[in-house]
């Protein structure tokens, strides 16, 4: 029988408790039957031996209850003690009710059945063997007159061993014990096998559920499940990252409040769309007022042919793809413009050069009054402006070949500020402040492109401050760079140009880098577009933040592109000295 230490089995504990309760119920019922016989019919034999046996049975029940508290981790041992005790208890009952003539020999069958409930299959055969041995010993002792069983009941005929009848009764009882042990063992073993199969199935189901949950949580697309009314019941990790809402903020909320796509709310209103899945796409407001482009597919949750239990919404953020498509469209447009501009360059710039030279010669040779002289100056100035527009257009549409070299970025910014503060683009009352670390920062790039980039950014900031203000230019070396939609682990430089001018409306920030987009009366719209093109060619990134009436800040990152940052011994002042020209401007 099982004697080894084992972890408490709740099911086995329940079975042992059940057998203990049934034992008390049986003893109590048996006492009731005996009392009823005594009162109605009267028992001819002595009742004291039976009372002693019944008292011993109740004592065993009490002992089992005490042992149950002490042997929680040895339920097999506890059950074995109960089986042994029950075998001797039934033997006592047989002795007190007539021995071989007792009608209670069938009680051994209940002991064997109880054994199959609490112990393995082998224990059933051991219990049957124990019952056979005890029953055989009782009969042998009675046959050889070693004991004289108590005749509790009056029987018309006694079991006699003449003709082998007594042995026949013994064989029938023993055979019945083993037959019951065999059948109950099969049932017990089958129940054990089923229990193990259920445990394995439960483990497999848990593993499958965990696998499915892991797949859902780690899938790249967002997934939302809803009930029939569209209220959210679950959201995976990608869905939370895409929408910006935590799981606790989305549960039981309508799906169309989290994904406020156009026409999305109508899908949950009757009549529902007859054909599913339904795919929709459009702009969506992420938590934090950030606009993203979403493509979502809504399908029913349930088996085909059965009523839907809810809905499944799978969606993905296509903002980057949408931006990439727009950039590809712009690139194709610029490619077409570049092909056209190559032919227009000679057709426009050559006549402009001839026209400008002729007018300047006439202005110098002819003696005109002040009115005509002013008209000549206007023609020359507008001719130069038209030539500048054509040059900017050609530089943007057909960039010159990259001439890589070591560029002193600090020196270029200082030169640009010196030229800028003495140019017509710098209005009176504007301060230009330059802040940088010690030494000069250098990087691998095209020097002319870097000069064009710095000039266009500074010029754009000055033109935004008609009423005066301050233009801050900062230069910093960084090991890594990270912004909202960009991250780089390469070392590089960060150039920041901030003004406190008129600012840019939120609806125009996305278009300021588009070619030919301008809000200025005499602007062409190629300055910031050229800056963006130069940054992209150098593998960098540019961000812009602006508030209307407070100013605009451009943050530009350029990687060193494999060149280590070098420090020039020349000093780089944080704030340059005052300008020699009239006005309060410092660099």
Protein backbone atom coordinates (compact mmCIF):
# COMPACT_ATOMS: atom_id res chain seq x y z
CA UNK A 1 0.00 0.00 0.00
CA UNK A 2 1.06 3.63 -0.55
CA UNK A 3 3.19 4.88 2.34
CA UNK A 4 5.30 7.57 0.67
CA UNK A 5 5.14 11.25 1.43
CA UNK A 6 3.08 13.15 -1.10
CA UNK A 7 1.61 16.59 -1.52
CA UNK A 8 -1.96 16.99 -0.27
CA UNK A 9 -4.41 15.93 -2.97
CA UNK A 10 -7.67 17.78 -2.51
CA UNK A 11 -9.60 15.15 -4.44
CA UNK A 12 -8.09 12.31 -2.36
CA UNK A 13 -8.79 14.25 0.83
CA UNK A 14 -12.41 14.55 -0.23
CA UNK A 15 -12.63 10.80 -0.91
CA UNK A 16 -11.09 9.89 2.46
CA UNK A 17 -13.46 12.24 4.26
CA UNK A 18 -16.41 10.77 2.38
CA UNK A 19 -15.48 7.20 3.40
CA UNK A 20 -15.09 8.35 7.02
CA UNK A 21 -18.55 9.94 7.00
CA UNK A 22 -20.14 6.91 5.30
CA UNK A 23 -18.58 4.64 7.93
CA UNK A 24 -20.24 6.63 10.72
CA UNK A 25 -23.53 6.62 8.82
CA UNK A 26 -23.31 2.83 8.35
CA UNK A 27 -22.57 2.15 12.01
CA UNK A 28 -25.37 4.42 13.11
CA UNK A 29 -27.80 2.80 10.69
CA UNK A 30 -26.74 -0.65 11.82
CA UNK A 31 -27.35 0.30 15.44
CA UNK A 32 -30.77 1.58 14.49
CA UNK A 33 -31.63 -1.68 12.74
CA UNK A 34 -30.52 -3.76 15.74
CA UNK A 35 -32.54 -1.59 18.13
CA UNK A 36 -35.58 -1.96 15.88
CA UNK A 37 -35.24 -5.74 15.81
CA UNK A 38 -34.85 -5.84 19.58
CA UNK A 39 -37.98 -3.80 20.18
CA UNK A 40 -40.22 -5.50 17.63
CA UNK A 41 -39.05 -9.12 17.44
CA UNK A 42 -36.51 -9.54 20.15
CA UNK A 43 -33.04 -11.00 19.63
CA UNK A 44 -32.54 -14.47 21.11
CA UNK A 45 -28.77 -14.16 21.38
CA UNK A 46 -26.68 -11.94 23.65
CA UNK A 47 -26.32 -8.31 22.48
CA UNK A 48 -23.23 -7.41 24.52
CA UNK A 49 -20.59 -8.79 22.05
CA UNK A 50 -22.20 -6.88 19.21
CA UNK A 51 -22.31 -3.73 21.32
CA UNK A 52 -18.59 -4.09 22.04
CA UNK A 53 -17.84 -4.44 18.35
CA UNK A 54 -19.97 -1.40 17.50
CA UNK A 55 -18.27 0.62 20.24
CA UNK A 56 -14.92 -0.41 18.77
CA UNK A 57 -16.18 0.79 15.38
CA UNK A 58 -17.03 4.23 16.74
CA UNK A 59 -13.64 4.34 18.47
CA UNK A 60 -11.96 3.61 15.16
CA UNK A 61 -13.91 6.44 13.54
CA UNK A 62 -12.64 8.81 16.20
CA UNK A 63 -9.09 7.52 15.73
CA UNK A 64 -9.33 8.01 11.96
CA UNK A 65 -10.46 11.60 12.45
CA UNK A 66 -7.49 12.35 14.71
CA UNK A 67 -5.03 10.68 12.35
CA UNK A 68 -6.47 12.65 9.44
CA UNK A 69 -5.26 15.88 11.05
CA UNK A 70 -1.77 14.48 11.64
CA UNK A 71 -1.29 12.63 8.35
CA UNK A 72 -2.25 15.35 5.83
CA UNK A 73 0.85 14.56 3.77
CA UNK A 74 0.46 10.79 4.19
CA UNK A 75 -3.07 10.21 2.91
CA UNK A 76 -2.07 6.83 1.45
CA UNK A 77 -0.93 5.62 4.87
CA UNK A 78 -4.07 6.99 6.50
CA UNK A 79 -6.29 5.21 3.96
CA UNK A 80 -4.37 1.96 4.49
CA UNK A 81 -4.95 2.17 8.25
CA UNK A 82 -8.67 2.62 7.61
CA UNK A 83 -8.81 -0.43 5.33
CA UNK A 84 -7.04 -2.65 7.87
CA UNK A 85 -9.29 -1.42 10.66
CA UNK A 86 -12.43 -1.99 8.58
CA UNK A 87 -11.38 -5.55 7.76
CA UNK A 88 -11.04 -6.43 11.45
CA UNK A 89 -14.25 -4.52 12.26
CA UNK A 90 -16.23 -6.63 9.75
CA UNK A 91 -14.58 -9.78 11.15
CA UNK A 92 -15.80 -8.77 14.62
CA UNK A 93 -19.31 -8.16 13.29
CA UNK A 94 -19.32 -11.62 11.69
CA UNK A 95 -18.19 -13.21 14.97
CA UNK A 96 -20.89 -11.32 16.95
CA UNK A 97 -23.67 -12.29 14.50
CA UNK A 98 -23.13 -16.03 13.97
CA UNK A 99 -19.79 -16.65 12.26
CA UNK A 100 -20.29 -18.68 9.09
CA UNK A 101 -24.06 -18.44 9.63
CA UNK A 102 -23.90 -14.59 9.78
CA UNK A 103 -25.76 -12.78 7.00
CA UNK A 104 -23.17 -9.93 7.09
CA UNK A 105 -20.33 -11.53 5.13
CA UNK A 106 -21.16 -9.21 2.22
CA UNK A 107 -19.76 -6.26 4.26
CA UNK A 108 -16.26 -7.20 3.08
CA UNK A 109 -17.40 -6.15 -0.41
CA UNK A 110 -18.00 -2.58 0.84
CA UNK A 111 -14.54 -2.55 2.40
CA UNK A 112 -13.01 -3.55 -0.95
CA UNK A 113 -15.04 -0.87 -2.77
CA UNK A 114 -13.92 1.74 -0.24
CA UNK A 115 -10.33 0.63 -0.85
CA UNK A 116 -10.70 1.20 -4.60
CA UNK A 117 -12.00 4.68 -3.90
CA UNK A 118 -9.02 5.69 -1.73
CA UNK A 119 -6.09 3.58 -2.93
CA UNK A 120 -4.57 2.26 -6.18
CA UNK A 121 -5.64 -0.90 -7.97
CA UNK A 122 -3.11 -3.14 -6.18
CA UNK A 123 -4.60 -2.23 -2.80
CA UNK A 124 -7.97 -3.66 -3.93
CA UNK A 125 -6.45 -7.12 -4.36
CA UNK A 126 -4.66 -6.79 -1.01
CA UNK A 127 -7.96 -5.89 0.65
CA UNK A 128 -9.68 -8.86 -1.04
CA UNK A 129 -6.87 -11.13 0.17
CA UNK A 130 -7.17 -9.75 3.68
CA UNK A 131 -10.92 -10.27 3.69
CA UNK A 132 -10.50 -13.86 2.43
CA UNK A 133 -7.85 -14.64 5.07
CA UNK A 134 -9.88 -13.21 7.96
CA UNK A 135 -13.09 -14.88 6.78
CA UNK A 136 -11.22 -18.19 6.30
CA UNK A 137 -9.59 -17.98 9.73
CA UNK A 138 -12.95 -17.24 11.35
CA UNK A 139 -14.53 -20.29 9.67
CA UNK A 140 -11.52 -22.53 10.45
CA UNK A 141 -11.52 -21.56 14.13
CA UNK A 142 -15.25 -22.25 14.24
CA UNK A 143 -14.83 -25.57 12.40
CA UNK A 144 -12.10 -26.79 14.76
CA UNK A 145 -14.04 -25.46 17.77
CA UNK A 146 -11.34 -22.98 18.75
CA UNK A 147 -14.05 -20.33 19.05
CA UNK A 148 -17.79 -20.39 19.42
CA UNK A 149 -19.44 -17.50 17.51
CA UNK A 150 -22.35 -15.68 19.13
CA UNK A 151 -25.74 -16.85 17.83
CA UNK A 152 -27.47 -13.48 17.62
CA UNK A 153 -30.21 -14.55 15.22
CA UNK A 154 -32.36 -17.67 15.26
CA UNK A 155 -31.71 -19.69 12.11
CA UNK A 156 -33.72 -22.70 11.00
CA UNK A 157 -30.72 -24.58 9.63
CA UNK A 158 -27.02 -24.08 10.24
CA UNK A 159 -24.36 -24.19 7.57
CA UNK A 160 -22.91 -27.66 7.62
CA UNK A 161 -19.66 -28.86 6.16
CA UNK A 162 -21.15 -32.23 5.26
CA UNK A 163 -21.17 -32.78 1.52
CA UNK A 164 -18.85 -29.77 1.04
CA UNK A 165 -21.62 -27.20 1.45
CA UNK A 166 -19.67 -25.12 3.93
CA UNK A 167 -16.65 -25.07 1.69
CA UNK A 168 -18.91 -24.02 -1.16
CA UNK A 169 -20.08 -21.01 0.87
CA UNK A 170 -16.48 -20.06 1.65
CA UNK A 171 -15.45 -20.33 -2.00
CA UNK A 172 -18.44 -18.25 -3.13
CA UNK A 173 -17.59 -15.46 -0.65
CA UNK A 174 -13.87 -15.46 -1.47
CA UNK A 175 -14.61 -15.47 -5.23
CA UNK A 176 -17.01 -12.57 -4.77
CA UNK A 177 -14.34 -10.62 -2.89
CA UNK A 178 -11.80 -11.01 -5.68
CA UNK A 179 -14.41 -10.36 -8.37
CA UNK A 180 -15.37 -7.10 -6.68
CA UNK A 181 -11.68 -6.25 -6.25
CA UNK A 182 -11.10 -6.87 -9.95
CA UNK A 183 -14.08 -4.79 -11.11
CA UNK A 184 -13.57 -1.95 -8.66
CA UNK A 185 -9.84 -1.95 -9.48
CA UNK A 186 -10.64 -1.59 -13.17
CA UNK A 187 -13.03 1.27 -12.44
CA UNK A 188 -10.56 2.92 -10.07
CA UNK A 189 -7.73 2.59 -12.57
CA UNK A 190 -9.95 3.93 -15.31
CA UNK A 191 -10.90 6.88 -13.17
CA UNK A 192 -7.22 7.50 -12.43
CA UNK A 193 -6.36 7.37 -16.14
CA UNK A 194 -9.21 9.74 -16.95
CA UNK A 195 -8.02 12.06 -14.20
CA UNK A 196 -4.50 12.10 -15.61
CA UNK A 197 -5.81 12.66 -19.13
CA UNK A 198 -7.94 15.53 -17.89
CA UNK A 199 -4.92 16.97 -16.09
CA UNK A 200 -2.82 16.72 -19.25
CA UNK A 201 -5.63 18.17 -21.31
CA UNK A 202 -5.96 21.00 -18.81
CA UNK A 203 -2.22 21.64 -19.02
CA UNK A 204 -2.32 21.55 -22.82
CA UNK A 205 -5.30 23.90 -22.80
CA UNK A 206 -3.51 26.29 -20.46
CA UNK A 207 -0.41 26.17 -22.62
CA UNK A 208 -2.51 26.76 -25.74
CA UNK A 209 -4.27 29.67 -24.06
CA UNK A 210 -0.93 31.10 -22.95
CA UNK A 211 0.45 30.65 -26.48
CA UNK A 212 -2.57 32.34 -28.06
CA UNK A 213 -2.36 35.15 -25.53
CA UNK A 214 1.35 35.56 -26.25
CA UNK A 215 0.68 35.67 -30.00
CA UNK A 216 -2.04 38.27 -29.55
CA UNK A 217 0.04 40.42 -27.21
CA UNK A 218 3.17 40.28 -29.39
CA UNK A 219 1.61 40.68 -32.81
CA UNK A 220 2.64 43.80 -34.70
CA UNK A 221 -0.88 45.03 -35.45
CA UNK A 222 -3.31 46.36 -32.89
CA UNK A 223 -6.24 44.10 -31.96
CA UNK A 224 -9.45 45.08 -30.17
CA UNK A 225 -12.35 42.78 -29.31
CA UNK A 226 -15.80 44.18 -28.55
CA UNK A 227 -19.25 42.98 -27.60
CA UNK A 228 -22.26 43.32 -29.88
CA UNK A 229 -22.72 46.96 -28.81
CA UNK A 230 -19.16 47.85 -29.74
CA UNK A 231 -17.84 48.13 -26.18
CA UNK A 232 -14.22 47.06 -25.82
CA UNK A 233 -13.54 43.79 -23.99
CA UNK A 234 -9.79 43.41 -24.66
CA UNK A 235 -6.87 45.25 -26.27
CA UNK A 236 -3.45 43.85 -27.08
CA UNK A 237 -0.13 45.60 -26.41
CA UNK A 238 0.28 46.96 -29.95
CA UNK A 239 -3.24 48.41 -29.79
CA UNK A 240 -2.40 50.23 -26.57
CA UNK A 241 0.80 51.64 -28.06
CA UNK A 242 -0.94 52.74 -31.26
CA UNK A 243 -3.90 54.46 -29.58
CA UNK A 244 -1.94 55.76 -26.59
CA UNK A 245 -4.56 54.44 -24.14
CA UNK A 246 -3.82 51.95 -21.36
CA UNK A 247 -5.96 48.82 -21.00
CA UNK A 248 -7.80 50.22 -17.97
CA UNK A 249 -8.72 53.33 -19.97
CA UNK A 250 -10.29 51.40 -22.85
CA UNK A 251 -12.31 48.57 -21.26
CA UNK A 252 -16.11 48.97 -21.60
CA UNK A 253 -15.68 52.08 -23.73
CA UNK A 254 -17.13 52.25 -27.24
CA UNK A 255 -14.60 51.20 -29.84
CA UNK A 256 -15.31 54.24 -32.01
CA UNK A 257 -14.25 56.57 -29.18
CA UNK A 258 -10.76 55.08 -29.14
CA UNK A 259 -10.53 54.76 -32.94
CA UNK A 260 -12.39 57.84 -34.14
CA UNK A 261 -12.19 56.89 -37.78
CA UNK A 262 -14.69 58.37 -40.22
CA UNK A 263 -17.77 56.17 -40.66
CA UNK A 264 -16.49 53.79 -37.94
CA UNK A 265 -19.32 54.53 -35.52
CA UNK A 266 -21.93 53.78 -38.17
CA UNK A 267 -20.69 50.18 -38.45
CA UNK A 268 -22.07 49.43 -34.96
CA UNK A 269 -25.47 50.95 -35.61
CA UNK A 270 -28.32 48.87 -37.03
CA UNK A 271 -28.60 47.74 -39.67
CA UNK A 272 -25.17 46.19 -39.46
CA UNK A 273 -23.18 45.74 -42.68
CA UNK A 274 -24.26 42.46 -44.32
CA UNK A 275 -20.79 41.55 -45.56
CA UNK A 276 -17.86 41.24 -43.19
CA UNK A 277 -14.99 41.86 -42.79
CA UNK A 278 -15.25 45.60 -43.50
CA UNK A 279 -12.10 47.64 -44.07
CA UNK A 280 -11.88 51.38 -43.52
CA UNK A 281 -8.97 53.79 -43.27
CA UNK A 282 -8.46 57.42 -42.46
CA UNK A 283 -7.01 59.90 -39.98
CA UNK A 284 -7.39 59.10 -36.28
CA UNK A 285 -6.65 61.18 -33.20
CA UNK A 286 -4.25 59.46 -30.83
CA UNK A 287 -4.30 60.20 -27.11
CA UNK A 288 -2.45 63.46 -26.69
CA UNK A 289 -4.07 65.09 -29.76
CA UNK A 290 -1.57 63.50 -32.16
CA UNK A 291 -3.05 62.70 -35.56
CA UNK A 292 -2.16 59.36 -37.15
CA UNK A 293 -3.36 57.47 -40.21
CA UNK A 294 -5.08 54.17 -39.38
CA UNK A 295 -6.29 51.25 -41.48
CA UNK A 296 -8.74 48.99 -39.62
CA UNK A 297 -10.55 45.79 -40.54
CA UNK A 298 -13.70 44.86 -38.62
CA UNK A 299 -14.93 41.24 -38.59
CA UNK A 300 -17.45 39.23 -36.58
CA UNK A 301 -16.46 37.10 -33.59
CA UNK A 302 -18.05 33.65 -33.73
CA UNK A 303 -18.35 30.46 -35.70
CA UNK A 304 -19.73 30.56 -39.25
CA UNK A 305 -23.47 30.06 -39.32
CA UNK A 306 -23.88 31.00 -35.64
CA UNK A 307 -24.93 34.34 -34.15
CA UNK A 308 -22.02 36.70 -33.59
CA UNK A 309 -20.67 36.97 -30.03
CA UNK A 310 -18.95 40.28 -30.73
CA UNK A 311 -16.52 41.88 -33.13
CA UNK A 312 -12.79 41.83 -33.80
CA UNK A 313 -11.00 44.95 -34.99
CA UNK A 314 -7.47 44.60 -36.35
CA UNK A 315 -5.76 47.89 -37.16
CA UNK A 316 -2.32 49.25 -37.98
CA UNK A 317 -0.64 52.63 -38.01
CA UNK A 318 0.15 53.62 -41.59
CA UNK A 319 1.38 57.12 -40.77
CA UNK A 320 4.96 56.39 -41.81
CA UNK A 321 3.79 54.63 -44.97
CA UNK A 322 1.52 57.56 -45.79
CA UNK A 323 4.37 59.99 -45.27
CA UNK A 324 6.61 57.79 -47.40
CA UNK A 325 4.04 57.79 -50.20
CA UNK A 326 3.84 61.57 -50.02
CA UNK A 327 7.64 61.80 -50.12
CA UNK A 328 7.75 59.48 -53.11
CA UNK A 329 5.17 61.65 -54.84
CA UNK A 330 7.22 64.72 -54.08
CA UNK A 331 10.36 63.01 -55.35
CA UNK A 332 8.64 62.09 -58.59
CA UNK A 333 7.36 65.62 -58.91
CA UNK A 334 10.81 67.05 -58.28
CA UNK A 335 12.33 64.65 -60.77
CA UNK A 336 9.96 65.95 -63.42
CA UNK A 337 10.72 69.52 -62.41
CA UNK A 338 14.44 68.82 -62.60
CA UNK A 339 14.15 67.54 -66.17
CA UNK A 340 12.21 70.63 -67.19
CA UNK A 341 14.46 73.04 -65.31
CA UNK A 342 17.56 71.83 -67.15
CA UNK A 343 16.11 73.10 -70.39
CA UNK A 344 14.73 76.29 -68.89
CA UNK A 345 18.01 77.26 -67.25
CA UNK A 346 19.73 78.43 -70.44
CA UNK A 347 16.51 79.87 -71.87
CA UNK A 348 15.98 82.12 -68.84
CA UNK A 349 19.42 82.90 -67.39
CA UNK A 350 21.09 83.85 -70.69
CA UNK A 351 18.50 86.50 -71.62
CA UNK A 352 18.55 87.72 -68.02
CA UNK A 353 22.32 88.19 -68.14
CA UNK A 354 22.11 90.10 -71.42
CA UNK A 355 19.19 92.18 -70.19
CA UNK A 356 20.88 93.01 -66.88
CA UNK A 357 24.19 93.95 -68.54
CA UNK A 358 22.48 96.12 -71.16
CA UNK A 359 20.40 98.00 -68.60
CA UNK A 360 23.43 98.62 -66.36
CA UNK A 361 25.39 99.96 -69.35
CA UNK A 362 22.54 102.26 -70.34
CA UNK A 363 22.19 103.46 -66.76
CA UNK A 364 25.90 104.35 -66.63
CA UNK A 365 26.10 105.96 -70.10
CA UNK A 366 22.84 107.89 -70.23
CA UNK A 367 22.28 111.01 -68.19
CA UNK A 368 18.74 110.55 -66.94
CA UNK A 369 16.74 112.59 -64.52
CA UNK A 370 15.93 111.17 -61.08
CA UNK A 371 12.63 109.56 -62.10
CA UNK A 372 14.09 107.54 -64.96
CA UNK A 373 17.18 106.74 -62.95
CA UNK A 374 14.94 105.24 -60.22
CA UNK A 375 13.12 103.19 -62.83
CA UNK A 376 16.48 101.89 -64.11
CA UNK A 377 17.45 100.87 -60.56
CA UNK A 378 14.15 99.03 -60.11
CA UNK A 379 14.67 97.11 -63.35
CA UNK A 380 18.21 96.10 -62.35
CA UNK A 381 17.10 95.06 -58.86
CA UNK A 382 14.17 92.99 -60.09
CA UNK A 383 16.38 91.40 -62.74
CA UNK A 384 18.82 90.36 -60.04
CA UNK A 385 15.96 89.02 -57.93
CA UNK A 386 14.63 86.99 -60.83
CA UNK A 387 18.13 85.60 -61.43
CA UNK A 388 18.34 84.67 -57.73
CA UNK A 389 14.99 82.87 -57.92
CA UNK A 390 16.12 80.90 -60.95
CA UNK A 391 19.39 80.01 -59.22
CA UNK A 392 17.58 78.79 -56.10
CA UNK A 393 15.23 76.80 -58.26
CA UNK A 394 18.08 75.12 -60.10
CA UNK A 395 19.99 74.41 -56.89
CA UNK A 396 16.96 72.64 -55.43
CA UNK A 397 15.83 70.72 -58.49
CA UNK A 398 19.32 69.72 -59.64
CA UNK A 399 21.65 69.64 -56.63
CA UNK A 400 25.30 69.74 -57.52
CA UNK A 401 27.54 66.78 -56.93
CA UNK A 402 28.51 66.10 -53.34
CA UNK A 403 32.03 67.37 -52.53
CA UNK A 404 32.74 65.70 -49.22
CA UNK A 405 35.35 67.17 -46.94
CA UNK A 406 36.05 68.17 -43.38
CA UNK A 407 33.77 71.12 -42.64
CA UNK A 408 34.29 73.56 -39.76
CA UNK A 409 30.65 73.93 -38.74
CA UNK A 410 31.39 76.41 -35.96
CA UNK A 411 33.31 78.68 -38.31
CA UNK A 412 30.58 78.48 -40.97
CA UNK A 413 27.94 79.55 -38.44
CA UNK A 414 30.12 82.45 -37.24
CA UNK A 415 30.69 83.62 -40.82
CA UNK A 416 26.98 83.32 -41.64
CA UNK A 417 26.00 85.34 -38.57
CA UNK A 418 28.56 88.03 -39.42
CA UNK A 419 27.15 88.32 -42.94
CA UNK A 420 23.57 88.06 -41.79
CA UNK A 421 23.72 90.88 -39.24
CA UNK A 422 25.05 93.26 -41.92
CA UNK A 423 22.55 92.24 -44.61
CA UNK A 424 19.20 93.72 -45.55
CA UNK A 425 17.44 90.58 -44.20
CA UNK A 426 18.29 91.56 -40.59
CA UNK A 427 15.72 94.14 -39.45
CA UNK A 428 16.61 96.73 -36.79
CA UNK A 429 16.06 95.69 -33.17
CA UNK A 430 17.00 92.04 -33.69
CA UNK A 431 19.70 90.30 -31.62
CA UNK A 432 21.52 87.23 -32.95
CA UNK A 433 22.93 85.05 -30.15
CA UNK A 434 25.28 82.15 -30.87
CA UNK A 435 26.00 79.53 -28.20
CA UNK A 436 28.48 76.67 -28.61
CA UNK A 437 30.93 74.62 -26.61
CA UNK A 438 34.68 75.25 -26.47
CA UNK A 439 36.59 74.74 -29.70
CA UNK A 440 35.27 74.22 -33.21
CA UNK A 441 33.05 71.28 -34.23
CA UNK A 442 33.83 69.64 -37.57
CA UNK A 443 32.10 66.94 -39.61
CA UNK A 444 32.29 65.27 -43.00
CA UNK A 445 29.99 67.05 -45.46
CA UNK A 446 29.79 69.45 -48.40
CA UNK A 447 30.86 72.90 -47.22
CA UNK A 448 28.70 74.84 -49.70
CA UNK A 449 25.63 72.82 -48.75
CA UNK A 450 26.25 73.41 -45.04
CA UNK A 451 26.63 77.16 -45.67
CA UNK A 452 23.37 77.15 -47.63
CA UNK A 453 21.63 75.24 -44.83
CA UNK A 454 22.78 77.64 -42.07
CA UNK A 455 22.01 80.70 -44.15
CA UNK A 456 18.49 79.60 -45.05
CA UNK A 457 17.60 78.72 -41.44
CA UNK A 458 18.90 82.00 -40.03
CA UNK A 459 17.31 84.02 -42.81
CA UNK A 460 13.97 82.30 -42.24
CA UNK A 461 14.10 83.18 -38.52
CA UNK A 462 15.00 86.82 -39.19
CA UNK A 463 12.18 87.24 -41.71
CA UNK A 464 9.71 86.00 -39.07
CA UNK A 465 10.65 88.87 -36.70
CA UNK A 466 9.58 92.07 -38.44
CA UNK A 467 9.05 93.89 -35.14
CA UNK A 468 12.38 92.92 -33.56
CA UNK A 469 13.31 90.07 -31.29
CA UNK A 470 16.09 87.58 -30.70
CA UNK A 471 17.46 84.78 -32.87
CA UNK A 472 19.19 82.05 -30.86
CA UNK A 473 21.62 79.69 -32.62
CA UNK A 474 22.95 76.75 -30.57
CA UNK A 475 25.49 74.12 -31.60
CA UNK A 476 26.08 70.98 -29.49
CA UNK A 477 27.94 67.69 -29.99
CA UNK A 478 25.94 64.59 -28.97
CA UNK A 479 26.62 60.85 -28.76
CA UNK A 480 23.04 59.85 -29.64
CA UNK A 481 19.94 61.67 -30.79
CA UNK A 482 16.26 60.95 -30.25
CA UNK A 483 13.11 62.85 -31.18
CA UNK A 484 9.42 62.02 -31.57
CA UNK A 485 9.69 60.02 -34.80
CA UNK A 486 13.44 59.59 -35.14
CA UNK A 487 16.28 57.96 -33.22
CA UNK A 488 19.99 57.61 -34.02
CA UNK A 489 22.80 55.90 -32.13
CA UNK A 490 25.49 57.66 -34.19
CA UNK A 491 27.41 60.60 -32.75
CA UNK A 492 26.81 63.94 -34.40
CA UNK A 493 25.94 67.59 -33.91
CA UNK A 494 22.65 69.25 -33.03
CA UNK A 495 21.99 72.70 -34.48
CA UNK A 496 19.10 74.65 -32.96
CA UNK A 497 17.76 77.88 -34.49
CA UNK A 498 15.02 79.53 -32.40
CA UNK A 499 13.23 82.82 -32.98
CA UNK A 500 10.45 84.63 -31.13
CA UNK A 501 8.66 85.79 -34.23
CA UNK A 502 5.12 85.28 -35.52
CA UNK A 503 5.15 81.47 -35.34
CA UNK A 504 3.64 78.87 -37.68
CA UNK A 505 0.00 77.71 -37.49
CA UNK A 506 -0.35 73.98 -36.60
CA UNK A 507 -2.06 73.16 -39.89
CA UNK A 508 0.91 74.51 -41.87
CA UNK A 509 3.80 72.81 -40.04
CA UNK A 510 3.62 69.68 -42.19
CA UNK A 511 3.85 71.70 -45.43
CA UNK A 512 6.64 74.17 -44.63
CA UNK A 513 9.25 71.84 -46.19
CA UNK A 514 7.27 71.42 -49.41
CA UNK A 515 8.81 73.16 -52.43
CA UNK A 516 7.20 76.43 -53.50
CA UNK A 517 5.21 76.71 -50.26
CA UNK A 518 5.61 80.18 -48.76
CA UNK A 519 3.62 82.69 -46.71
CA UNK A 520 5.82 85.66 -47.63
CA UNK A 521 4.79 88.15 -50.31
CA UNK A 522 8.07 88.00 -52.23
CA UNK A 523 9.05 84.46 -51.19
CA UNK A 524 9.61 81.56 -53.55
CA UNK A 525 9.17 78.70 -51.06
CA UNK A 526 12.51 76.96 -51.70
CA UNK A 527 14.52 77.98 -48.63
CA UNK A 528 13.25 75.42 -46.12
CA UNK A 529 12.73 72.85 -48.88
CA UNK A 530 16.45 73.17 -49.70
CA UNK A 531 17.32 72.81 -46.00
CA UNK A 532 15.26 69.62 -45.77
CA UNK A 533 16.89 68.24 -48.91
CA UNK A 534 20.41 68.93 -47.60
CA UNK A 535 19.60 67.31 -44.25
CA UNK A 536 18.28 64.20 -45.96
CA UNK A 537 21.33 63.95 -48.20
CA UNK A 538 23.57 64.04 -45.13
CA UNK A 539 21.58 61.33 -43.30
CA UNK A 540 20.25 63.71 -40.65
CA UNK A 541 16.89 64.77 -39.28
CA UNK A 542 15.07 68.04 -38.67
CA UNK A 543 12.25 68.81 -36.25
CA UNK A 544 10.18 71.95 -35.89
CA UNK A 545 8.14 73.23 -32.96
CA UNK A 546 6.15 76.43 -33.17
CA UNK A 547 3.45 78.41 -31.40
CA UNK A 548 1.61 81.24 -33.08
CA UNK A 549 2.73 84.58 -31.62
CA UNK A 550 5.58 83.04 -29.57
CA UNK A 551 8.09 81.83 -32.13
CA UNK A 552 9.55 78.80 -33.89
CA UNK A 553 12.39 76.40 -33.05
CA UNK A 554 14.18 74.26 -35.66
CA UNK A 555 16.23 71.35 -34.25
CA UNK A 556 18.59 69.78 -36.76
CA UNK A 557 20.76 66.67 -36.30
CA UNK A 558 23.70 65.85 -38.56
CA UNK A 559 25.79 62.70 -37.96
CA UNK A 560 29.55 62.84 -38.08
CA UNK A 561 29.30 60.13 -40.78
CA UNK A 562 32.26 58.17 -39.46
CA UNK A 563 34.53 61.16 -38.80
CA UNK A 564 35.49 61.76 -35.20
CA UNK A 565 34.61 65.22 -33.88
CA UNK A 566 37.74 67.34 -33.96
CA UNK A 567 38.46 70.31 -31.73
CA UNK A 568 40.02 73.34 -33.36
CA UNK A 569 42.27 75.40 -31.04
CA UNK A 570 40.48 78.57 -32.16
CA UNK A 571 38.00 79.80 -29.54
CA UNK A 572 34.25 79.71 -30.26
CA UNK A 573 32.59 82.45 -28.19
CA UNK A 574 29.17 81.80 -26.76
CA UNK A 575 28.04 85.34 -27.63
CA UNK A 576 29.79 87.44 -30.25
CA UNK A 577 30.49 91.13 -29.88
CA UNK A 578 28.18 93.94 -30.97
CA UNK A 579 27.67 94.69 -34.65
CA UNK A 580 29.30 97.74 -36.12
CA UNK A 581 26.19 98.68 -38.06
CA UNK A 582 23.43 100.80 -36.50
CA UNK A 583 20.92 99.01 -34.30
CA UNK A 584 21.15 96.73 -31.29
CA UNK A 585 22.31 93.43 -32.79
CA UNK A 586 24.79 91.01 -31.24
CA UNK A 587 26.15 87.71 -32.49
